Structures are given as C-alpha cells and as structure tokens.
Amino acid sequence: MNNKAMIIGAIDAGKTTLINELVGNDAKAAKTQTLQYHQWIVDTPGEYTENPLFYKNIMATSFQMTHVIYVQDATTIKNIFPPGFASGIPKLSIGVVTKADAEDANIERSIEQLKKVMIRGPIVVTSAVHKRGIDYIKPLVNCRTYEEMKQFVEQTDDAYLIYLDK
C-alpha cells in the first residue's frame, strides 16, 4: 500500500490503542511522546492538536501522508479541533469516534463534533474492546479519492459508518 495516514486527536483519545489494533500490535498503549511510524500509519502526540504551537508539526508531517484521521473520544465533551480544521490540511479526511463501547460514550455528540472539523469524508465509530469499526479504516486509507471512500461507505451496511458530504 502506498497510501499513508496520520492520526491526530486529543491526549488520551485512544489514538495509540486504535493504531495497535490496526497494525496487529498486542502491546499495551503508552503515552506517545514523539511521532511513531507504524507500517502505513503515523501516531502523533495529543499535544500536537491540543496546542496550536504544534500545528506546524501536523502540517509538516501531513506532507508525507495521503490521509489524516481525526479522532474524537466519545467519552468526553472536549473537542480540541477548531471548526473547519481539516480544510487547512489538503489531505483526504477520515473521522473516527473512539471508545464507543464505554458506558458514558456519547456517539451522536462525537459525530457532530467531527462534522464541525471535516468538510467531507467518512466517519467511523469504533470500539477497540469489541473490535467494531476497526476493519473499515485501512480500506478507507487505501482509497485514493473522496468518491472512492463514499462508494465504500455506501456499499457497507453499517449505521456506524457514515459519509459526510457538505
């Protein structure tokens, strides 16, 4: 696969756990301190999105990527992405809601938060515990256009995989 994705989101949003599931790593997730390259996906520290001083790191890393995955934790009301944030990064966007299996998860709120960040693209609701939604992410990263991603979503009959097209 030539396509590569960068995953960004808040501290403790579940980025590293998600990546471990995606690449088949059984290691326990630990705090990401620097960029971590794993096969076709790059893990970023949560500070990169929580502190605007680090936005330049997101931009520099995105030059090597074809996709950016925006992660929203379903257990928090905190949204660290400014409205329209994805429009400033000229890469294919994928939204991912993490921790959907948690007792206090609010999936609908998380989807609405991602809709404010992204102009278009798929949104995947995931659970690392129940392995839900994880299998959709790599095929979406394999897509080379928004149209391909839209077709993938439309062919998949799952309410936790939606396509945003404003």
C-alpha atoms as a PDB file:
ATOM      1  CA  MET A   1       0.000   0.000   0.000  1.00  0.00           C
ATOM      2  CA  ASN A   2       1.391   3.406  -0.963  1.00  0.00           C
ATOM      3  CA  ASN A   3      -1.183   5.418   0.944  1.00  0.00           C
ATOM      4  CA  LYS A   4      -0.260   6.583   4.415  1.00  0.00           C
ATOM      5  CA  ALA A   5      -2.314   8.115   7.186  1.00  0.00           C
ATOM      6  CA  MET A   6      -1.524  10.358  10.122  1.00  0.00           C
ATOM      7  CA  ILE A   7      -3.758  10.047  13.167  1.00  0.00           C
ATOM      8  CA  ILE A   8      -4.404  13.153  15.270  1.00  0.00           C
ATOM      9  CA  GLY A   9      -6.557  13.854  18.293  1.00  0.00           C
ATOM     10  CA  ALA A  10      -6.536  14.854  21.942  1.00  0.00           C
ATOM     11  CA  ILE A  11      -4.354  13.394  24.654  1.00  0.00           C
ATOM     12  CA  ASP A  12      -5.870  10.074  25.800  1.00  0.00           C
ATOM     13  CA  ALA A  13      -8.374   9.955  22.912  1.00  0.00           C
ATOM     14  CA  GLY A  14      -7.399   6.378  22.065  1.00  0.00           C
ATOM     15  CA  LYS A  15      -5.105   7.031  19.094  1.00  0.00           C
ATOM     16  CA  THR A  16      -2.364   4.578  20.085  1.00  0.00           C
ATOM     17  CA  THR A  17      -4.863   1.878  21.074  1.00  0.00           C
ATOM     18  CA  LEU A  18      -6.528   2.297  17.685  1.00  0.00           C
ATOM     19  CA  ILE A  19      -3.195   2.055  15.864  1.00  0.00           C
ATOM     20  CA  ASN A  20      -2.238  -1.056  17.831  1.00  0.00           C
ATOM     21  CA  GLU A  21      -5.486  -2.666  16.657  1.00  0.00           C
ATOM     22  CA  LEU A  22      -4.902  -1.550  13.066  1.00  0.00           C
ATOM     23  CA  VAL A  23      -1.377  -2.946  12.810  1.00  0.00           C
ATOM     24  CA  GLY A  24      -1.873  -6.026  14.999  1.00  0.00           C
ATOM     25  CA  ASN A  25       0.332  -4.891  17.871  1.00  0.00           C
ATOM     26  CA  ASP A  26      -0.594  -6.548  21.173  1.00  0.00           C
ATOM     27  CA  ALA A  27       1.446  -4.120  23.286  1.00  0.00           C
ATOM     28  CA  LYS A  28      -0.338  -2.027  25.890  1.00  0.00           C
ATOM     29  CA  ALA A  29      -0.750   1.560  24.733  1.00  0.00           C
ATOM     30  CA  ALA A  30       1.622   4.059  26.323  1.00  0.00           C
ATOM     31  CA  LYS A  31       1.726   7.840  26.113  1.00  0.00           C
ATOM     32  CA  THR A  32       3.039   8.883  22.693  1.00  0.00           C
ATOM     33  CA  GLN A  33       5.905  11.354  23.139  1.00  0.00           C
ATOM     34  CA  THR A  34       7.095  11.709  19.536  1.00  0.00           C
ATOM     35  CA  LEU A  35       5.934  10.717  16.071  1.00  0.00           C
ATOM     36  CA  GLN A  36       5.624   6.933  15.882  1.00  0.00           C
ATOM     37  CA  TYR A  37       5.700   5.348  12.413  1.00  0.00           C
ATOM     38  CA  HIS A  38       3.845   2.021  12.091  1.00  0.00           C
ATOM     39  CA  GLN A  39       3.700   0.452   8.635  1.00  0.00           C
ATOM     40  CA  TRP A  40       1.134   2.674   6.844  1.00  0.00           C
ATOM     41  CA  ILE A  41       0.054   4.894   9.753  1.00  0.00           C
ATOM     42  CA  VAL A  42       1.717   7.526  11.945  1.00  0.00           C
ATOM     43  CA  ASP A  43       0.794   8.146  15.578  1.00  0.00           C
ATOM     44  CA  THR A  44       1.118  11.711  16.833  1.00  0.00           C
ATOM     45  CA  PRO A  45       1.261  13.038  20.388  1.00  0.00           C
ATOM     46  CA  GLY A  46      -2.023  14.581  21.562  1.00  0.00           C
ATOM     47  CA  GLU A  47      -0.142  17.797  22.271  1.00  0.00           C
ATOM     48  CA  TYR A  48       0.151  18.322  18.517  1.00  0.00           C
ATOM     49  CA  THR A  49      -3.561  19.084  18.337  1.00  0.00           C
ATOM     50  CA  GLU A  50      -4.139  20.456  21.819  1.00  0.00           C
ATOM     51  CA  ASN A  51      -1.523  23.202  21.494  1.00  0.00           C
ATOM     52  CA  PRO A  52      -1.654  25.472  18.426  1.00  0.00           C
ATOM     53  CA  LEU A  53       2.114  25.988  18.723  1.00  0.00           C
ATOM     54  CA  PHE A  54       2.475  22.405  17.451  1.00  0.00           C
ATOM     55  CA  TYR A  55       0.199  22.816  14.407  1.00  0.00           C
ATOM     56  CA  LYS A  56       3.341  23.290  12.304  1.00  0.00           C
ATOM     57  CA  ASN A  57       4.322  19.715  13.227  1.00  0.00           C
ATOM     58  CA  ILE A  58       0.956  18.449  11.969  1.00  0.00           C
ATOM     59  CA  MET A  59       1.391  20.359   8.720  1.00  0.00           C
ATOM     60  CA  ALA A  60       4.982  19.160   8.194  1.00  0.00           C
ATOM     61  CA  THR A  61       4.037  15.528   8.866  1.00  0.00           C
ATOM     62  CA  SER A  62       0.996  15.753   6.602  1.00  0.00           C
ATOM     63  CA  PHE A  63       3.258  16.394   3.584  1.00  0.00           C
ATOM     64  CA  GLN A  64       4.268  12.715   3.746  1.00  0.00           C
ATOM     65  CA  MET A  65       0.668  11.482   4.064  1.00  0.00           C
ATOM     66  CA  THR A  66      -2.298  10.881   1.788  1.00  0.00           C
ATOM     67  CA  HIS A  67      -4.888  10.832   4.607  1.00  0.00           C
ATOM     68  CA  VAL A  68      -5.442  12.431   8.006  1.00  0.00           C
ATOM     69  CA  ILE A  69      -7.528  10.611  10.611  1.00  0.00           C
ATOM     70  CA  TYR A  70      -9.270  12.924  13.087  1.00  0.00           C
ATOM     71  CA  VAL A  71     -10.015  11.130  16.355  1.00  0.00           C
ATOM     72  CA  GLN A  72     -12.819  12.158  18.706  1.00  0.00           C
ATOM     73  CA  ASP A  73     -13.182  10.389  22.069  1.00  0.00           C
ATOM     74  CA  ALA A  74     -16.861   9.506  22.658  1.00  0.00           C
ATOM     75  CA  THR A  75     -16.437   9.790  26.434  1.00  0.00           C
ATOM     76  CA  THR A  76     -15.546  13.473  26.540  1.00  0.00           C
ATOM     77  CA  ILE A  77     -17.289  16.705  25.643  1.00  0.00           C
ATOM     78  CA  LYS A  78     -13.902  18.234  24.881  1.00  0.00           C
ATOM     79  CA  ASN A  79     -13.324  18.951  21.200  1.00  0.00           C
ATOM     80  CA  ILE A  80      -9.800  20.157  20.583  1.00  0.00           C
ATOM     81  CA  PHE A  81     -10.156  20.756  16.840  1.00  0.00           C
ATOM     82  CA  PRO A  82     -11.153  24.244  15.702  1.00  0.00           C
ATOM     83  CA  PRO A  83     -14.150  24.380  13.328  1.00  0.00           C
ATOM     84  CA  GLY A  84     -13.099  23.547   9.778  1.00  0.00           C
ATOM     85  CA  PHE A  85      -9.651  22.373  10.912  1.00  0.00           C
ATOM     86  CA  ALA A  86      -9.469  19.697   8.199  1.00  0.00           C
ATOM     87  CA  SER A  87      -9.888  22.293   5.456  1.00  0.00           C
ATOM     88  CA  GLY A  88      -6.414  23.617   6.328  1.00  0.00           C
ATOM     89  CA  ILE A  89      -4.762  20.266   5.615  1.00  0.00           C
ATOM     90  CA  PRO A  90      -5.012  19.302   1.937  1.00  0.00           C
ATOM     91  CA  LYS A  91      -5.291  15.550   2.525  1.00  0.00           C
ATOM     92  CA  LEU A  92      -8.185  13.089   2.484  1.00  0.00           C
ATOM     93  CA  SER A  93     -10.026  13.230   5.817  1.00  0.00           C
ATOM     94  CA  ILE A  94     -11.356  10.337   7.866  1.00  0.00           C
ATOM     95  CA  GLY A  95     -13.161  10.929  11.155  1.00  0.00           C
ATOM     96  CA  VAL A  96     -13.008   8.276  13.854  1.00  0.00           C
ATOM     97  CA  VAL A  97     -15.047   8.122  17.048  1.00  0.00           C
ATOM     98  CA  THR A  98     -13.206   6.071  19.677  1.00  0.00           C
ATOM     99  CA  LYS A  99     -14.367   4.449  22.912  1.00  0.00           C
ATOM    100  CA  ALA A 100     -17.889   3.887  21.568  1.00  0.00           C
ATOM    101  CA  ASP A 101     -18.243   0.896  23.889  1.00  0.00           C
ATOM    102  CA  ALA A 102     -17.732   2.930  27.081  1.00  0.00           C
ATOM    103  CA  GLU A 103     -20.674   3.270  29.447  1.00  0.00           C
ATOM    104  CA  ASP A 104     -20.527   7.071  29.260  1.00  0.00           C
ATOM    105  CA  ALA A 105     -19.982   7.250  25.487  1.00  0.00           C
ATOM    106  CA  ASN A 106     -21.998   9.802  23.547  1.00  0.00           C
ATOM    107  CA  ILE A 107     -21.586   8.731  19.943  1.00  0.00           C
ATOM    108  CA  GLU A 108     -24.007  11.255  18.455  1.00  0.00           C
ATOM    109  CA  ARG A 109     -22.210  14.183  20.133  1.00  0.00           C
ATOM    110  CA  SER A 110     -18.856  12.907  18.858  1.00  0.00           C
ATOM    111  CA  ILE A 111     -20.148  12.584  15.297  1.00  0.00           C
ATOM    112  CA  GLU A 112     -21.487  16.142  15.464  1.00  0.00           C
ATOM    113  CA  GLN A 113     -18.095  17.360  16.712  1.00  0.00           C
ATOM    114  CA  LEU A 114     -16.324  15.667  13.799  1.00  0.00           C
ATOM    115  CA  LYS A 115     -18.824  17.173  11.366  1.00  0.00           C
ATOM    116  CA  LYS A 116     -17.618  20.601  12.522  1.00  0.00           C
ATOM    117  CA  VAL A 117     -13.995  19.639  11.859  1.00  0.00           C
ATOM    118  CA  MET A 118     -14.326  17.948   8.461  1.00  0.00           C
ATOM    119  CA  ILE A 119     -15.850  19.280   5.279  1.00  0.00           C
ATOM    120  CA  ARG A 120     -16.324  15.820   3.802  1.00  0.00           C
ATOM    121  CA  GLY A 121     -15.276  12.229   4.209  1.00  0.00           C
ATOM    122  CA  PRO A 122     -16.201   9.110   6.139  1.00  0.00           C
ATOM    123  CA  ILE A 123     -16.793   8.938   9.875  1.00  0.00           C
ATOM    124  CA  VAL A 124     -16.212   5.571  11.544  1.00  0.00           C
ATOM    125  CA  VAL A 125     -17.478   4.718  15.038  1.00  0.00           C
ATOM    126  CA  THR A 126     -15.042   2.305  16.683  1.00  0.00           C
ATOM    127  CA  SER A 127     -14.577   0.106  19.705  1.00  0.00           C
ATOM    128  CA  ALA A 128     -11.153  -1.408  20.366  1.00  0.00           C
ATOM    129  CA  VAL A 129     -12.704  -3.609  23.058  1.00  0.00           C
ATOM    130  CA  HIS A 130     -15.347  -5.116  20.747  1.00  0.00           C
ATOM    131  CA  LYS A 131     -13.263  -4.670  17.550  1.00  0.00           C
ATOM    132  CA  ARG A 132     -16.107  -2.685  15.980  1.00  0.00           C
ATOM    133  CA  GLY A 133     -15.382  -0.387  13.038  1.00  0.00           C
ATOM    134  CA  ILE A 134     -11.639  -1.052  13.107  1.00  0.00           C
ATOM    135  CA  ASP A 135     -11.749  -3.077   9.873  1.00  0.00           C
ATOM    136  CA  TYR A 136     -13.121  -0.111   7.906  1.00  0.00           C
ATOM    137  CA  ILE A 137     -10.157   2.193   8.456  1.00  0.00           C
ATOM    138  CA  LYS A 138      -7.440   0.525   6.364  1.00  0.00           C
ATOM    139  CA  PRO A 139      -9.719   0.074   3.313  1.00  0.00           C
ATOM    140  CA  LEU A 140     -10.636   3.754   3.598  1.00  0.00           C
ATOM    141  CA  VAL A 141      -6.955   4.691   3.669  1.00  0.00           C
ATOM    142  CA  ASN A 142      -6.493   2.530   0.559  1.00  0.00           C
ATOM    143  CA  CYS A 143      -8.966   4.796  -1.256  1.00  0.00           C
ATOM    144  CA  ARG A 144      -7.353   7.487  -3.367  1.00  0.00           C
ATOM    145  CA  THR A 145     -10.300   9.892  -3.650  1.00  0.00           C
ATOM    146  CA  TYR A 146     -13.316  11.038  -1.682  1.00  0.00           C
ATOM    147  CA  GLU A 147     -15.501   9.413  -4.327  1.00  0.00           C
ATOM    148  CA  GLU A 148     -13.872   6.019  -3.674  1.00  0.00           C
ATOM    149  CA  MET A 149     -14.400   6.471   0.066  1.00  0.00           C
ATOM    150  CA  LYS A 150     -18.026   7.441  -0.495  1.00  0.00           C
ATOM    151  CA  GLN A 151     -18.599   4.327  -2.612  1.00  0.00           C
ATOM    152  CA  PHE A 152     -17.002   2.154   0.095  1.00  0.00           C
ATOM    153  CA  VAL A 153     -19.302   3.629   2.740  1.00  0.00           C
ATOM    154  CA  GLU A 154     -22.395   3.247   0.545  1.00  0.00           C
ATOM    155  CA  GLN A 155     -21.565  -0.430  -0.108  1.00  0.00           C
ATOM    156  CA  THR A 156     -21.228  -1.127   3.617  1.00  0.00           C
ATOM    157  CA  ASP A 157     -24.437  -1.647   5.539  1.00  0.00           C
ATOM    158  CA  ASP A 158     -23.465  -0.301   8.952  1.00  0.00           C
ATOM    159  CA  ALA A 159     -25.020   2.622  10.813  1.00  0.00           C
ATOM    160  CA  TYR A 160     -21.649   3.270  12.466  1.00  0.00           C
ATOM    161  CA  LEU A 161     -20.022   4.107   9.153  1.00  0.00           C
ATOM    162  CA  ILE A 162     -21.333   7.302   7.604  1.00  0.00           C
ATOM    163  CA  TYR A 163     -20.227   9.650   4.848  1.00  0.00           C
ATOM    164  CA  LEU A 164     -20.194  13.390   5.348  1.00  0.00           C
ATOM    165  CA  ASP A 165     -20.640  15.459   2.204  1.00  0.00           C
ATOM    166  CA  LYS A 166     -21.414  19.110   2.819  1.00  0.00           C
END
